[in-house]
Amino acid sequence: MSIVNSNNVQFNNVTFNQNGLINGSHSYNEIIAQGGSTLTLESGSTQNIIGNQF
């Protein structure tokens, strides 16, 4: 499992090749979950996707 554990960070392009856990609020240009990956988002957090989501 991949884990993003931070707060108020802006990412350019993020790709998860396996299941992922995102803690904290972030902004992304692009976020991709590949091959049936499942992303779990922290309750009460905000995820802003500025560009594409796949």
PDB file of N, CA and C in Angstrom:
ATOM      1  N   MET A   1       0.845  -1.175   0.000  1.00  0.00           N
ATOM      2  CA  MET A   1       0.000   0.000   0.000  1.00  0.00           C
ATOM      3  C   MET A   1       0.891   1.238   0.000  1.00  0.00           C
ATOM      4  N   SER A   2       0.546   2.188  -0.836  1.00  0.00           N
ATOM      5  CA  SER A   2       1.233   3.474  -0.874  1.00  0.00           C
ATOM      6  C   SER A   2       0.489   4.443   0.021  1.00  0.00           C
ATOM      7  N   ILE A   3       1.233   5.270   0.759  1.00  0.00           N
ATOM      8  CA  ILE A   3       0.617   6.192   1.708  1.00  0.00           C
ATOM      9  C   ILE A   3       1.130   7.609   1.466  1.00  0.00           C
ATOM     10  N   VAL A   4       0.197   8.566   1.346  1.00  0.00           N
ATOM     11  CA  VAL A   4       0.518   9.994   1.322  1.00  0.00           C
ATOM     12  C   VAL A   4       0.074  10.524   2.672  1.00  0.00           C
ATOM     13  N   ASN A   5       1.023  10.987   3.479  1.00  0.00           N
ATOM     14  CA  ASN A   5       0.721  11.425   4.842  1.00  0.00           C
ATOM     15  C   ASN A   5       1.297  12.820   5.052  1.00  0.00           C
ATOM     16  N   SER A   6       0.552  13.822   4.604  1.00  0.00           N
ATOM     17  CA  SER A   6       0.988  15.218   4.728  1.00  0.00           C
ATOM     18  C   SER A   6      -0.273  16.089   4.697  1.00  0.00           C
ATOM     19  N   ASN A   7      -0.093  17.405   4.609  1.00  0.00           N
ATOM     20  CA  ASN A   7      -1.250  18.294   4.564  1.00  0.00           C
ATOM     21  C   ASN A   7      -0.920  19.531   3.741  1.00  0.00           C
ATOM     22  N   ASN A   8      -1.895  19.963   2.941  1.00  0.00           N
ATOM     23  CA  ASN A   8      -1.788  21.184   2.133  1.00  0.00           C
ATOM     24  C   ASN A   8      -0.585  21.191   1.206  1.00  0.00           C
ATOM     25  N   VAL A   9      -0.415  20.086   0.471  1.00  0.00           N
ATOM     26  CA  VAL A   9       0.664  19.953  -0.497  1.00  0.00           C
ATOM     27  C   VAL A   9       0.057  19.945  -1.891  1.00  0.00           C
ATOM     28  N   GLN A  10       0.717  20.606  -2.858  1.00  0.00           N
ATOM     29  CA  GLN A  10       0.281  20.543  -4.246  1.00  0.00           C
ATOM     30  C   GLN A  10       1.208  19.602  -5.000  1.00  0.00           C
ATOM     31  N   PHE A  11       0.616  18.563  -5.584  1.00  0.00           N
ATOM     32  CA  PHE A  11       1.360  17.583  -6.366  1.00  0.00           C
ATOM     33  C   PHE A  11       1.119  17.834  -7.841  1.00  0.00           C
ATOM     34  N   ASN A  12       2.100  17.497  -8.669  1.00  0.00           N
ATOM     35  CA  ASN A  12       1.922  17.613 -10.109  1.00  0.00           C
ATOM     36  C   ASN A  12       1.168  16.387 -10.612  1.00  0.00           C
ATOM     37  N   ASN A  13       1.858  15.290 -10.881  1.00  0.00           N
ATOM     38  CA  ASN A  13       1.228  14.065 -11.364  1.00  0.00           C
ATOM     39  C   ASN A  13       1.509  12.940 -10.386  1.00  0.00           C
ATOM     40  N   VAL A  14       0.445  12.276  -9.905  1.00  0.00           N
ATOM     41  CA  VAL A  14       0.570  11.191  -8.934  1.00  0.00           C
ATOM     42  C   VAL A  14      -0.063   9.937  -9.533  1.00  0.00           C
ATOM     43  N   THR A  15       0.683   8.819  -9.509  1.00  0.00           N
ATOM     44  CA  THR A  15       0.176   7.543  -9.999  1.00  0.00           C
ATOM     45  C   THR A  15       0.291   6.509  -8.902  1.00  0.00           C
ATOM     46  N   PHE A  16      -0.809   5.828  -8.611  1.00  0.00           N
ATOM     47  CA  PHE A  16      -0.816   4.719  -7.663  1.00  0.00           C
ATOM     48  C   PHE A  16      -0.858   3.425  -8.466  1.00  0.00           C
ATOM     49  N   ASN A  17       0.158   2.566  -8.294  1.00  0.00           N
ATOM     50  CA  ASN A  17       0.217   1.275  -8.962  1.00  0.00           C
ATOM     51  C   ASN A  17      -0.333   0.167  -8.072  1.00  0.00           C
ATOM     52  N   GLN A  18      -0.694   0.522  -6.871  1.00  0.00           N
ATOM     53  CA  GLN A  18      -1.279  -0.399  -5.898  1.00  0.00           C
ATOM     54  C   GLN A  18      -2.266   0.391  -5.047  1.00  0.00           C
ATOM     55  N   ASN A  19      -2.937  -0.252  -4.116  1.00  0.00           N
ATOM     56  CA  ASN A  19      -3.876   0.454  -3.247  1.00  0.00           C
ATOM     57  C   ASN A  19      -3.164   1.581  -2.514  1.00  0.00           C
ATOM     58  N   GLY A  20      -3.905   2.670  -2.243  1.00  0.00           N
ATOM     59  CA  GLY A  20      -3.295   3.825  -1.602  1.00  0.00           C
ATOM     60  C   GLY A  20      -4.163   4.429  -0.523  1.00  0.00           C
ATOM     61  N   LEU A  21      -3.523   5.106   0.413  1.00  0.00           N
ATOM     62  CA  LEU A  21      -4.179   5.823   1.501  1.00  0.00           C
ATOM     63  C   LEU A  21      -3.701   7.264   1.460  1.00  0.00           C
ATOM     64  N   ILE A  22      -4.624   8.213   1.390  1.00  0.00           N
ATOM     65  CA  ILE A  22      -4.282   9.635   1.346  1.00  0.00           C
ATOM     66  C   ILE A  22      -4.800  10.293   2.611  1.00  0.00           C
ATOM     67  N   ASN A  23      -3.886  10.781   3.440  1.00  0.00           N
ATOM     68  CA  ASN A  23      -4.224  11.513   4.668  1.00  0.00           C
ATOM     69  C   ASN A  23      -3.915  12.984   4.452  1.00  0.00           C
ATOM     70  N   GLY A  24      -4.811  13.865   4.879  1.00  0.00           N
ATOM     71  CA  GLY A  24      -4.609  15.301   4.735  1.00  0.00           C
ATOM     72  C   GLY A  24      -5.265  15.826   3.470  1.00  0.00           C
ATOM     73  N   SER A  25      -5.307  17.137   3.341  1.00  0.00           N
ATOM     74  CA  SER A  25      -5.906  17.807   2.185  1.00  0.00           C
ATOM     75  C   SER A  25      -4.814  18.212   1.206  1.00  0.00           C
ATOM     76  N   HIS A  26      -5.061  17.985  -0.095  1.00  0.00           N
ATOM     77  CA  HIS A  26      -4.047  18.226  -1.120  1.00  0.00           C
ATOM     78  C   HIS A  26      -4.676  18.698  -2.417  1.00  0.00           C
ATOM     79  N   SER A  27      -3.830  19.197  -3.317  1.00  0.00           N
ATOM     80  CA  SER A  27      -4.224  19.526  -4.683  1.00  0.00           C
ATOM     81  C   SER A  27      -3.340  18.728  -5.630  1.00  0.00           C
ATOM     82  N   TYR A  28      -3.924  18.298  -6.747  1.00  0.00           N
ATOM     83  CA  TYR A  28      -3.211  17.491  -7.738  1.00  0.00           C
ATOM     84  C   TYR A  28      -3.491  18.050  -9.120  1.00  0.00           C
ATOM     85  N   ASN A  29      -2.475  18.025  -9.971  1.00  0.00           N
ATOM     86  CA  ASN A  29      -2.714  18.295 -11.377  1.00  0.00           C
ATOM     87  C   ASN A  29      -3.379  17.073 -12.004  1.00  0.00           C
ATOM     88  N   GLU A  30      -2.854  15.887 -11.690  1.00  0.00           N
ATOM     89  CA  GLU A  30      -3.389  14.650 -12.236  1.00  0.00           C
ATOM     90  C   GLU A  30      -3.183  13.536 -11.216  1.00  0.00           C
ATOM     91  N   ILE A  31      -4.209  12.704 -11.010  1.00  0.00           N
ATOM     92  CA  ILE A  31      -4.082  11.568 -10.110  1.00  0.00           C
ATOM     93  C   ILE A  31      -4.625  10.337 -10.840  1.00  0.00           C
ATOM     94  N   ILE A  32      -3.832   9.256 -10.826  1.00  0.00           N
ATOM     95  CA  ILE A  32      -4.178   8.043 -11.551  1.00  0.00           C
ATOM     96  C   ILE A  32      -4.112   6.856 -10.601  1.00  0.00           C
ATOM     97  N   ALA A  33      -5.159   6.037 -10.602  1.00  0.00           N
ATOM     98  CA  ALA A  33      -5.166   4.762  -9.880  1.00  0.00           C
ATOM     99  C   ALA A  33      -5.170   3.669 -10.942  1.00  0.00           C
ATOM    100  N   GLN A  34      -4.056   2.930 -11.066  1.00  0.00           N
ATOM    101  CA  GLN A  34      -3.910   1.951 -12.132  1.00  0.00           C
ATOM    102  C   GLN A  34      -4.330   0.552 -11.719  1.00  0.00           C
ATOM    103  N   GLY A  35      -4.767  -0.211 -12.700  1.00  0.00           N
ATOM    104  CA  GLY A  35      -4.964  -1.645 -12.554  1.00  0.00           C
ATOM    105  C   GLY A  35      -5.847  -2.084 -11.403  1.00  0.00           C
ATOM    106  N   GLY A  36      -6.969  -1.427 -11.183  1.00  0.00           N
ATOM    107  CA  GLY A  36      -7.876  -1.829 -10.115  1.00  0.00           C
ATOM    108  C   GLY A  36      -7.456  -1.366  -8.741  1.00  0.00           C
ATOM    109  N   SER A  37      -6.532  -0.425  -8.668  1.00  0.00           N
ATOM    110  CA  SER A  37      -6.108   0.121  -7.380  1.00  0.00           C
ATOM    111  C   SER A  37      -7.262   0.840  -6.703  1.00  0.00           C
ATOM    112  N   THR A  38      -7.303   0.767  -5.392  1.00  0.00           N
ATOM    113  CA  THR A  38      -8.309   1.452  -4.591  1.00  0.00           C
ATOM    114  C   THR A  38      -7.637   2.543  -3.776  1.00  0.00           C
ATOM    115  N   LEU A  39      -8.175   3.760  -3.834  1.00  0.00           N
ATOM    116  CA  LEU A  39      -7.657   4.861  -3.033  1.00  0.00           C
ATOM    117  C   LEU A  39      -8.615   5.124  -1.881  1.00  0.00           C
ATOM    118  N   THR A  40      -8.075   5.217  -0.679  1.00  0.00           N
ATOM    119  CA  THR A  40      -8.853   5.541   0.509  1.00  0.00           C
ATOM    120  C   THR A  40      -8.476   6.952   0.943  1.00  0.00           C
ATOM    121  N   LEU A  41      -9.477   7.814   1.114  1.00  0.00           N
ATOM    122  CA  LEU A  41      -9.253   9.211   1.483  1.00  0.00           C
ATOM    123  C   LEU A  41      -9.648   9.419   2.936  1.00  0.00           C
ATOM    124  N   GLU A  42      -8.830  10.201   3.649  1.00  0.00           N
ATOM    125  CA  GLU A  42      -9.108  10.511   5.048  1.00  0.00           C
ATOM    126  C   GLU A  42     -10.430  11.268   5.172  1.00  0.00           C
ATOM    127  N   SER A  43     -11.252  10.851   6.095  1.00  0.00           N
ATOM    128  CA  SER A  43     -12.519  11.515   6.367  1.00  0.00           C
ATOM    129  C   SER A  43     -12.280  12.967   6.763  1.00  0.00           C
ATOM    130  N   GLY A  44     -13.036  13.890   6.183  1.00  0.00           N
ATOM    131  CA  GLY A  44     -12.912  15.303   6.515  1.00  0.00           C
ATOM    132  C   GLY A  44     -11.832  16.031   5.735  1.00  0.00           C
ATOM    133  N   SER A  45     -11.086  15.324   4.891  1.00  0.00           N
ATOM    134  CA  SER A  45     -10.040  15.970   4.094  1.00  0.00           C
ATOM    135  C   SER A  45     -10.624  16.399   2.751  1.00  0.00           C
ATOM    136  N   THR A  46      -9.913  17.277   2.052  1.00  0.00           N
ATOM    137  CA  THR A  46     -10.344  17.766   0.748  1.00  0.00           C
ATOM    138  C   THR A  46      -9.258  17.469  -0.271  1.00  0.00           C
ATOM    139  N   GLN A  47      -9.654  16.865  -1.393  1.00  0.00           N
ATOM    140  CA  GLN A  47      -8.734  16.575  -2.484  1.00  0.00           C
ATOM    141  C   GLN A  47      -9.190  17.377  -3.695  1.00  0.00           C
ATOM    142  N   ASN A  48      -8.359  18.310  -4.162  1.00  0.00           N
ATOM    143  CA  ASN A  48      -8.667  19.125  -5.344  1.00  0.00           C
ATOM    144  C   ASN A  48      -7.891  18.588  -6.519  1.00  0.00           C
ATOM    145  N   ILE A  49      -8.607  18.171  -7.561  1.00  0.00           N
ATOM    146  CA  ILE A  49      -7.959  17.686  -8.784  1.00  0.00           C
ATOM    147  C   ILE A  49      -8.117  18.768  -9.837  1.00  0.00           C
ATOM    148  N   ILE A  50      -7.001  19.387 -10.186  1.00  0.00           N
ATOM    149  CA  ILE A  50      -7.000  20.536 -11.067  1.00  0.00           C
ATOM    150  C   ILE A  50      -7.074  20.108 -12.530  1.00  0.00           C
ATOM    151  N   GLY A  51      -6.408  19.008 -12.854  1.00  0.00           N
ATOM    152  CA  GLY A  51      -6.363  18.531 -14.241  1.00  0.00           C
ATOM    153  C   GLY A  51      -7.209  17.298 -14.432  1.00  0.00           C
ATOM    154  N   ASN A  52      -6.552  16.158 -14.668  1.00  0.00           N
ATOM    155  CA  ASN A  52      -7.228  14.916 -15.019  1.00  0.00           C
ATOM    156  C   ASN A  52      -7.248  13.923 -13.872  1.00  0.00           C
ATOM    157  N   GLN A  53      -8.274  13.093 -13.862  1.00  0.00           N
ATOM    158  CA  GLN A  53      -8.306  11.971 -12.941  1.00  0.00           C
ATOM    159  C   GLN A  53      -8.663  10.728 -13.740  1.00  0.00           C
ATOM    160  N   PHE A  54      -7.924   9.654 -13.499  1.00  0.00           N
ATOM    161  CA  PHE A  54      -8.146   8.393 -14.213  1.00  0.00           C
ATOM    162  C   PHE A  54      -8.252   7.274 -13.227  1.00  0.00           C
TER     163      PHE A  54
END
